[in-house]
N, C-alpha and C. Protein backbone atom coordinates (compact mmCIF):
# COMPACT_ATOMS: atom_id res chain seq x y z
N VAL A 1 -15.78 -87.42 -146.30
CA VAL A 1 -15.79 -88.31 -145.16
C VAL A 1 -16.30 -89.67 -145.63
N GLU A 2 -15.70 -90.71 -145.12
CA GLU A 2 -16.13 -92.06 -145.48
C GLU A 2 -17.60 -92.25 -145.13
N ARG A 3 -18.30 -93.01 -145.96
CA ARG A 3 -19.74 -93.21 -145.79
C ARG A 3 -20.08 -93.79 -144.42
N ASP A 4 -19.32 -94.76 -143.92
CA ASP A 4 -19.61 -95.36 -142.62
C ASP A 4 -19.48 -94.34 -141.50
N LEU A 5 -18.44 -93.55 -141.55
CA LEU A 5 -18.22 -92.53 -140.53
C LEU A 5 -19.30 -91.45 -140.62
N GLN A 6 -19.64 -91.08 -141.83
CA GLN A 6 -20.69 -90.08 -142.05
C GLN A 6 -22.01 -90.55 -141.44
N GLU A 7 -22.38 -91.80 -141.69
CA GLU A 7 -23.63 -92.32 -141.16
C GLU A 7 -23.58 -92.48 -139.64
N GLN A 8 -22.42 -92.78 -139.11
CA GLN A 8 -22.26 -92.85 -137.66
C GLN A 8 -22.46 -91.47 -137.04
N LEU A 9 -21.89 -90.46 -137.66
CA LEU A 9 -22.06 -89.08 -137.17
C LEU A 9 -23.52 -88.64 -137.25
N VAL A 10 -24.18 -88.96 -138.34
CA VAL A 10 -25.60 -88.62 -138.48
C VAL A 10 -26.41 -89.32 -137.39
N GLY A 11 -26.09 -90.56 -137.12
CA GLY A 11 -26.79 -91.33 -136.09
C GLY A 11 -26.67 -90.73 -134.70
N GLU A 12 -25.60 -89.99 -134.46
CA GLU A 12 -25.41 -89.35 -133.16
C GLU A 12 -26.47 -88.29 -132.88
N LEU A 13 -27.17 -87.85 -133.90
CA LEU A 13 -28.20 -86.83 -133.75
C LEU A 13 -29.55 -87.40 -133.30
N GLN A 14 -29.66 -88.73 -133.27
CA GLN A 14 -30.92 -89.32 -132.83
C GLN A 14 -31.27 -88.83 -131.43
N GLY A 15 -32.51 -88.43 -131.27
CA GLY A 15 -32.96 -87.90 -129.99
C GLY A 15 -32.79 -86.40 -129.86
N SER A 16 -32.10 -85.79 -130.82
CA SER A 16 -31.86 -84.34 -130.77
C SER A 16 -32.37 -83.61 -132.01
N VAL A 17 -33.09 -84.30 -132.86
CA VAL A 17 -33.51 -83.72 -134.13
C VAL A 17 -34.35 -82.47 -133.92
N MET A 18 -35.38 -82.55 -133.10
CA MET A 18 -36.28 -81.40 -132.93
C MET A 18 -35.56 -80.22 -132.30
N LYS A 19 -34.67 -80.48 -131.38
CA LYS A 19 -33.88 -79.39 -130.78
C LYS A 19 -33.03 -78.71 -131.85
N CYS A 20 -32.41 -79.51 -132.69
CA CYS A 20 -31.57 -78.96 -133.76
C CYS A 20 -32.39 -78.21 -134.80
N VAL A 21 -33.53 -78.76 -135.17
CA VAL A 21 -34.37 -78.14 -136.20
C VAL A 21 -34.80 -76.75 -135.76
N ARG A 22 -35.05 -76.57 -134.49
CA ARG A 22 -35.53 -75.27 -133.99
C ARG A 22 -34.39 -74.30 -133.66
N ASP A 23 -33.18 -74.73 -133.89
CA ASP A 23 -32.01 -73.90 -133.58
C ASP A 23 -31.51 -73.22 -134.85
N GLN A 24 -31.07 -71.97 -134.69
CA GLN A 24 -30.59 -71.16 -135.83
C GLN A 24 -29.46 -71.85 -136.59
N ASN A 25 -28.57 -72.52 -135.88
CA ASN A 25 -27.46 -73.21 -136.53
C ASN A 25 -27.72 -74.71 -136.70
N GLY A 26 -28.39 -75.29 -135.74
CA GLY A 26 -28.65 -76.73 -135.77
C GLY A 26 -29.48 -77.16 -136.95
N ASN A 27 -30.39 -76.31 -137.41
CA ASN A 27 -31.22 -76.68 -138.56
C ASN A 27 -30.36 -76.91 -139.80
N HIS A 28 -29.26 -76.18 -139.91
CA HIS A 28 -28.36 -76.37 -141.05
C HIS A 28 -27.68 -77.74 -140.99
N VAL A 29 -27.39 -78.20 -139.79
CA VAL A 29 -26.79 -79.54 -139.62
C VAL A 29 -27.78 -80.60 -140.09
N ILE A 30 -29.03 -80.48 -139.67
CA ILE A 30 -30.05 -81.45 -140.07
C ILE A 30 -30.27 -81.39 -141.58
N GLN A 31 -30.31 -80.21 -142.15
CA GLN A 31 -30.46 -80.08 -143.60
C GLN A 31 -29.32 -80.79 -144.34
N LYS A 32 -28.11 -80.59 -143.86
CA LYS A 32 -26.95 -81.19 -144.51
C LYS A 32 -26.98 -82.71 -144.38
N CYS A 33 -27.44 -83.20 -143.24
CA CYS A 33 -27.58 -84.66 -143.07
C CYS A 33 -28.54 -85.23 -144.10
N ILE A 34 -29.66 -84.56 -144.31
CA ILE A 34 -30.64 -85.01 -145.29
C ILE A 34 -30.05 -84.97 -146.70
N GLU A 35 -29.29 -83.94 -146.99
CA GLU A 35 -28.70 -83.79 -148.32
C GLU A 35 -27.61 -84.82 -148.59
N ARG A 36 -26.79 -85.13 -147.59
CA ARG A 36 -25.58 -85.92 -147.82
C ARG A 36 -25.66 -87.39 -147.42
N ALA A 37 -26.42 -87.69 -146.38
CA ALA A 37 -26.47 -89.07 -145.89
C ALA A 37 -27.40 -89.91 -146.76
N SER A 38 -27.27 -91.20 -146.64
CA SER A 38 -28.19 -92.07 -147.38
C SER A 38 -29.60 -91.88 -146.82
N THR A 39 -30.58 -92.19 -147.65
CA THR A 39 -31.96 -92.03 -147.18
C THR A 39 -32.25 -92.95 -146.00
N GLU A 40 -31.59 -94.10 -145.95
CA GLU A 40 -31.77 -95.01 -144.82
C GLU A 40 -31.21 -94.40 -143.54
N ALA A 41 -30.07 -93.77 -143.64
CA ALA A 41 -29.43 -93.17 -142.46
C ALA A 41 -30.22 -91.98 -141.95
N ALA A 42 -30.95 -91.31 -142.83
CA ALA A 42 -31.72 -90.12 -142.45
C ALA A 42 -33.15 -90.45 -142.06
N GLN A 43 -33.52 -91.71 -142.08
CA GLN A 43 -34.92 -92.09 -141.79
C GLN A 43 -35.39 -91.59 -140.43
N PHE A 44 -34.54 -91.63 -139.43
CA PHE A 44 -34.96 -91.20 -138.09
C PHE A 44 -35.34 -89.72 -138.07
N ILE A 45 -34.76 -88.93 -138.95
CA ILE A 45 -35.13 -87.51 -139.04
C ILE A 45 -36.56 -87.39 -139.54
N VAL A 46 -36.87 -88.11 -140.61
CA VAL A 46 -38.22 -88.11 -141.15
C VAL A 46 -39.20 -88.63 -140.11
N ASP A 47 -38.84 -89.70 -139.42
CA ASP A 47 -39.71 -90.28 -138.40
C ASP A 47 -40.05 -89.26 -137.31
N ASP A 48 -39.08 -88.45 -136.94
CA ASP A 48 -39.31 -87.43 -135.91
C ASP A 48 -40.28 -86.35 -136.37
N PHE A 49 -40.34 -86.13 -137.68
CA PHE A 49 -41.22 -85.09 -138.22
C PHE A 49 -42.68 -85.53 -138.27
N VAL A 50 -42.92 -86.82 -138.42
CA VAL A 50 -44.28 -87.32 -138.55
C VAL A 50 -45.08 -86.93 -137.31
N GLY A 51 -46.24 -86.32 -137.55
CA GLY A 51 -47.10 -85.85 -136.48
C GLY A 51 -46.82 -84.42 -136.05
N GLN A 52 -45.75 -83.83 -136.57
CA GLN A 52 -45.38 -82.46 -136.21
C GLN A 52 -45.18 -81.57 -137.43
N VAL A 53 -45.60 -82.04 -138.58
CA VAL A 53 -45.30 -81.35 -139.83
C VAL A 53 -45.89 -79.94 -139.87
N VAL A 54 -47.14 -79.79 -139.46
CA VAL A 54 -47.78 -78.47 -139.53
C VAL A 54 -47.03 -77.48 -138.64
N GLN A 55 -46.73 -77.90 -137.43
CA GLN A 55 -45.99 -77.03 -136.51
C GLN A 55 -44.64 -76.65 -137.10
N LEU A 56 -43.95 -77.61 -137.69
CA LEU A 56 -42.63 -77.35 -138.24
C LEU A 56 -42.70 -76.58 -139.56
N ALA A 57 -43.75 -76.78 -140.33
CA ALA A 57 -43.90 -76.07 -141.60
C ALA A 57 -44.10 -74.58 -141.37
N THR A 58 -44.60 -74.21 -140.20
CA THR A 58 -44.83 -72.81 -139.88
C THR A 58 -43.70 -72.22 -139.04
N HIS A 59 -42.67 -73.01 -138.84
CA HIS A 59 -41.50 -72.55 -138.07
C HIS A 59 -40.45 -72.04 -139.06
N PRO A 60 -39.77 -70.93 -138.74
CA PRO A 60 -38.80 -70.36 -139.69
C PRO A 60 -37.67 -71.30 -140.10
N TYR A 61 -37.28 -72.21 -139.22
CA TYR A 61 -36.21 -73.15 -139.56
C TYR A 61 -36.77 -74.51 -139.95
N GLY A 62 -37.84 -74.91 -139.30
CA GLY A 62 -38.45 -76.21 -139.59
C GLY A 62 -38.91 -76.34 -141.02
N CYS A 63 -39.42 -75.23 -141.57
CA CYS A 63 -39.89 -75.27 -142.96
C CYS A 63 -38.74 -75.56 -143.93
N ARG A 64 -37.56 -75.11 -143.59
CA ARG A 64 -36.39 -75.36 -144.45
C ARG A 64 -36.01 -76.82 -144.45
N VAL A 65 -36.12 -77.44 -143.28
CA VAL A 65 -35.80 -78.87 -143.19
C VAL A 65 -36.84 -79.69 -143.94
N ILE A 66 -38.10 -79.29 -143.85
CA ILE A 66 -39.14 -79.97 -144.63
C ILE A 66 -38.83 -79.87 -146.12
N GLN A 67 -38.37 -78.72 -146.57
CA GLN A 67 -37.99 -78.57 -147.98
C GLN A 67 -36.93 -79.59 -148.37
N ARG A 68 -35.93 -79.78 -147.52
CA ARG A 68 -34.86 -80.74 -147.82
C ARG A 68 -35.40 -82.16 -147.88
N ILE A 69 -36.32 -82.49 -146.97
CA ILE A 69 -36.94 -83.82 -147.00
C ILE A 69 -37.64 -84.03 -148.33
N LEU A 70 -38.42 -83.04 -148.75
CA LEU A 70 -39.15 -83.15 -150.01
C LEU A 70 -38.21 -83.26 -151.20
N GLU A 71 -37.07 -82.59 -151.14
CA GLU A 71 -36.12 -82.60 -152.25
C GLU A 71 -35.25 -83.86 -152.32
N HIS A 72 -34.87 -84.41 -151.16
CA HIS A 72 -33.82 -85.43 -151.15
C HIS A 72 -34.24 -86.83 -150.71
N CYS A 73 -35.39 -86.97 -150.11
CA CYS A 73 -35.77 -88.28 -149.58
C CYS A 73 -36.59 -89.08 -150.59
N GLU A 74 -36.68 -90.36 -150.32
CA GLU A 74 -37.42 -91.27 -151.18
C GLU A 74 -38.92 -91.03 -151.04
N HIS A 75 -39.68 -91.46 -152.04
CA HIS A 75 -41.13 -91.26 -152.03
C HIS A 75 -41.78 -91.80 -150.75
N ALA A 76 -41.36 -92.97 -150.33
CA ALA A 76 -41.96 -93.57 -149.12
C ALA A 76 -41.71 -92.71 -147.88
N GLN A 77 -40.62 -91.98 -147.86
CA GLN A 77 -40.32 -91.09 -146.74
C GLN A 77 -41.10 -89.78 -146.86
N VAL A 78 -41.25 -89.32 -148.06
CA VAL A 78 -41.92 -88.04 -148.32
C VAL A 78 -43.44 -88.17 -148.14
N ALA A 79 -44.01 -89.31 -148.47
CA ALA A 79 -45.46 -89.49 -148.47
C ALA A 79 -46.14 -89.09 -147.16
N PRO A 80 -45.68 -89.54 -145.99
CA PRO A 80 -46.37 -89.14 -144.76
C PRO A 80 -46.25 -87.64 -144.47
N ILE A 81 -45.14 -87.05 -144.89
CA ILE A 81 -44.96 -85.60 -144.71
C ILE A 81 -45.97 -84.86 -145.59
N LEU A 82 -46.05 -85.27 -146.84
CA LEU A 82 -47.01 -84.65 -147.76
C LEU A 82 -48.45 -84.85 -147.31
N ASP A 83 -48.75 -86.02 -146.78
CA ASP A 83 -50.11 -86.29 -146.28
C ASP A 83 -50.50 -85.27 -145.22
N GLU A 84 -49.57 -84.99 -144.29
CA GLU A 84 -49.87 -84.01 -143.25
C GLU A 84 -50.02 -82.60 -143.82
N ILE A 85 -49.20 -82.29 -144.80
CA ILE A 85 -49.29 -80.97 -145.42
C ILE A 85 -50.64 -80.81 -146.14
N VAL A 86 -51.01 -81.81 -146.92
CA VAL A 86 -52.26 -81.74 -147.67
C VAL A 86 -53.46 -81.69 -146.72
N THR A 87 -53.43 -82.49 -145.67
CA THR A 87 -54.52 -82.51 -144.71
C THR A 87 -54.69 -81.15 -144.03
N SER A 88 -53.61 -80.42 -143.88
CA SER A 88 -53.65 -79.14 -143.15
C SER A 88 -53.49 -77.94 -144.07
N THR A 89 -53.77 -78.10 -145.33
CA THR A 89 -53.58 -77.03 -146.29
C THR A 89 -54.27 -75.74 -145.87
N SER A 90 -55.52 -75.85 -145.41
CA SER A 90 -56.25 -74.61 -145.06
C SER A 90 -55.57 -73.87 -143.91
N ASP A 91 -55.01 -74.59 -142.95
CA ASP A 91 -54.27 -73.93 -141.85
C ASP A 91 -52.98 -73.31 -142.38
N LEU A 92 -52.31 -74.01 -143.26
CA LEU A 92 -51.00 -73.55 -143.75
C LEU A 92 -51.11 -72.33 -144.67
N VAL A 93 -52.18 -72.23 -145.43
CA VAL A 93 -52.29 -71.08 -146.34
C VAL A 93 -52.55 -69.78 -145.58
N HIS A 94 -53.00 -69.89 -144.34
CA HIS A 94 -53.25 -68.69 -143.53
C HIS A 94 -52.02 -68.28 -142.72
N ASP A 95 -50.97 -69.10 -142.73
CA ASP A 95 -49.73 -68.75 -142.05
C ASP A 95 -49.00 -67.71 -142.89
N GLN A 96 -48.09 -67.00 -142.29
CA GLN A 96 -47.34 -65.95 -142.97
C GLN A 96 -46.94 -66.42 -144.33
């Protein structure tokens, strides 16, 4: 798919990221957006995660999307996610 069209399609998900992340199929869409779209086009996904990382890290689908952010996004995008993870390490190690 052409890059402009791809980024337009990714942009259509704004406002629905958390709903998709918590959905059995929707989380795969968000993961693919992070993998395929430019880091600039995926910024709104990262922005939606800020402040909710611990809750999403302990969610069966949310944790997968966090993995994709850590693998595919730029350092500046990953840093706030990692900050929340590090700050909540003691809570996260007690999760399943």
